[in-house]
Amino acid sequence: MTITTDDPRLGPLLEDPEVATFLSRIHGLTMLRHVPRRRLTGSGELNGRPVIVKIFGSPRARGNHRRLLALAAAGLSPLVPAGLEVSANGHVGLLSYRRGTTLDCVSDE
């Protein structure tokens, strides 16, 4: 599903003018996951590069960005996306796109 700033299902996540301005730079933004009133994750392109966009209902993008930077500094860059940018109000985070296997189910073995 393509994300537009006037989509009524996304309500408060996209009403902030700073969020709308930030998202206007992303082309072909499509929704990957939506947690109503909390978070929206999408994919698109910025300057011809694939990116992941996380939009938070609160300024949580800054913490997410710090965690990604810490994981990269710990040598886990090949496994986790790179934090590229955070909006000034902390509601939107831009991450690198990593091709490969999605690690949504990891065995204990």
Protein backbone atom coordinates (compact mmCIF):
# COMPACT_ATOMS: atom_id res chain seq x y z
CA MET A 1 0.00 0.00 0.00
CA THR A 2 1.35 3.41 -0.95
CA ILE A 3 1.60 5.88 1.93
CA THR A 4 0.19 9.36 1.44
CA THR A 5 0.13 12.16 3.99
CA ASP A 6 -3.67 12.45 3.71
CA ASP A 7 -4.46 8.77 4.43
CA PRO A 8 -7.14 8.87 7.18
CA ARG A 9 -6.16 5.43 8.53
CA LEU A 10 -2.78 6.78 9.58
CA GLY A 11 -4.20 9.78 11.42
CA PRO A 12 -1.92 11.42 13.97
CA LEU A 13 1.26 9.77 12.70
CA LEU A 14 1.18 11.86 9.54
CA GLU A 15 -0.52 15.06 10.76
CA ASP A 16 2.71 16.68 11.99
CA PRO A 17 4.00 19.16 9.34
CA GLU A 18 7.62 18.18 10.05
CA VAL A 19 6.80 14.52 9.39
CA ALA A 20 5.07 15.45 6.11
CA THR A 21 8.09 17.53 5.04
CA PHE A 22 10.50 14.72 5.92
CA LEU A 23 8.42 12.16 4.01
CA SER A 24 8.11 14.37 0.93
CA ARG A 25 11.75 13.51 0.16
CA ILE A 26 11.02 9.77 -0.02
CA HIS A 27 9.78 8.44 -3.37
CA GLY A 28 7.47 5.44 -3.77
CA LEU A 29 6.86 5.08 -0.03
CA THR A 30 4.95 1.88 0.66
CA MET A 31 3.77 0.50 3.98
CA LEU A 32 5.43 -2.55 5.48
CA ARG A 33 3.88 -2.50 8.95
CA HIS A 34 1.43 -0.29 10.82
CA VAL A 35 0.73 -0.31 14.55
CA PRO A 36 -2.21 2.12 14.91
CA ARG A 37 -1.34 5.37 16.70
CA ARG A 38 2.14 4.05 17.55
CA ARG A 39 4.35 3.28 14.55
CA LEU A 40 4.43 2.93 10.81
CA THR A 41 7.28 1.29 8.91
CA GLY A 42 7.63 1.78 5.18
CA SER A 43 10.08 1.40 2.33
CA GLY A 44 10.91 3.78 -0.46
CA GLU A 45 13.78 5.51 -2.23
CA LEU A 46 15.88 8.53 -1.37
CA ASN A 47 18.28 9.83 -4.03
CA GLY A 48 17.89 6.54 -5.93
CA ARG A 49 18.78 4.36 -2.90
CA PRO A 50 16.34 2.01 -1.18
CA VAL A 51 15.60 3.07 2.41
CA ILE A 52 13.40 2.09 5.33
CA VAL A 53 11.37 4.78 7.07
CA LYS A 54 10.05 4.45 10.63
CA ILE A 55 7.42 6.96 11.76
CA PHE A 56 6.69 7.01 15.48
CA GLY A 57 3.72 8.52 17.32
CA SER A 58 6.18 9.84 19.92
CA PRO A 59 9.81 11.00 19.55
CA ARG A 60 11.23 7.47 19.74
CA ALA A 61 13.21 7.65 16.48
CA ARG A 62 16.16 9.23 18.31
CA GLY A 63 16.51 6.23 20.65
CA ASN A 64 16.15 3.80 17.77
CA HIS A 65 18.87 5.70 15.89
CA ARG A 66 21.22 5.60 18.93
CA ARG A 67 20.70 1.83 19.28
CA LEU A 68 21.51 1.24 15.61
CA LEU A 69 24.69 3.34 15.91
CA ALA A 70 25.73 1.35 19.02
CA LEU A 71 25.12 -1.97 17.24
CA ALA A 72 27.19 -0.80 14.27
CA ALA A 73 30.02 0.30 16.61
CA ALA A 74 29.92 -3.17 18.19
CA GLY A 75 30.67 -4.74 14.79
CA LEU A 76 27.13 -5.80 13.92
CA SER A 77 26.83 -3.62 10.79
CA PRO A 78 26.39 -6.60 8.47
CA LEU A 79 23.31 -7.71 10.43
CA VAL A 80 21.45 -4.50 11.26
CA PRO A 81 20.45 -1.51 9.14
CA ALA A 82 22.42 1.70 9.47
CA GLY A 83 20.70 4.67 11.07
CA LEU A 84 20.92 7.39 8.39
CA GLU A 85 18.91 10.32 9.71
CA VAL A 86 16.33 11.39 12.31
CA SER A 87 13.83 14.22 11.97
CA ALA A 88 14.40 17.21 14.27
CA ASN A 89 11.29 16.36 16.32
CA GLY A 90 12.38 12.73 16.73
CA HIS A 91 9.27 11.20 15.12
CA VAL A 92 10.85 9.91 11.88
CA GLY A 93 13.92 7.74 11.42
CA LEU A 94 15.56 6.87 8.13
CA LEU A 95 17.43 3.55 7.91
CA SER A 96 19.47 1.80 5.27
CA TYR A 97 17.84 -1.10 3.45
CA ARG A 98 19.59 -4.46 3.81
CA ARG A 99 18.89 -7.19 1.30
CA GLY A 100 18.85 -10.70 2.64
CA THR A 101 17.03 -12.96 5.02
CA THR A 102 14.65 -11.34 7.46
CA LEU A 103 15.57 -12.43 10.96
CA ASP A 104 12.03 -12.46 12.34
CA CYS A 105 12.27 -16.05 13.61
CA VAL A 106 15.53 -17.16 15.15
CA SER A 107 16.00 -20.69 16.46
CA ASP A 108 17.40 -21.27 19.93
CA GLU A 109 19.56 -24.04 18.49
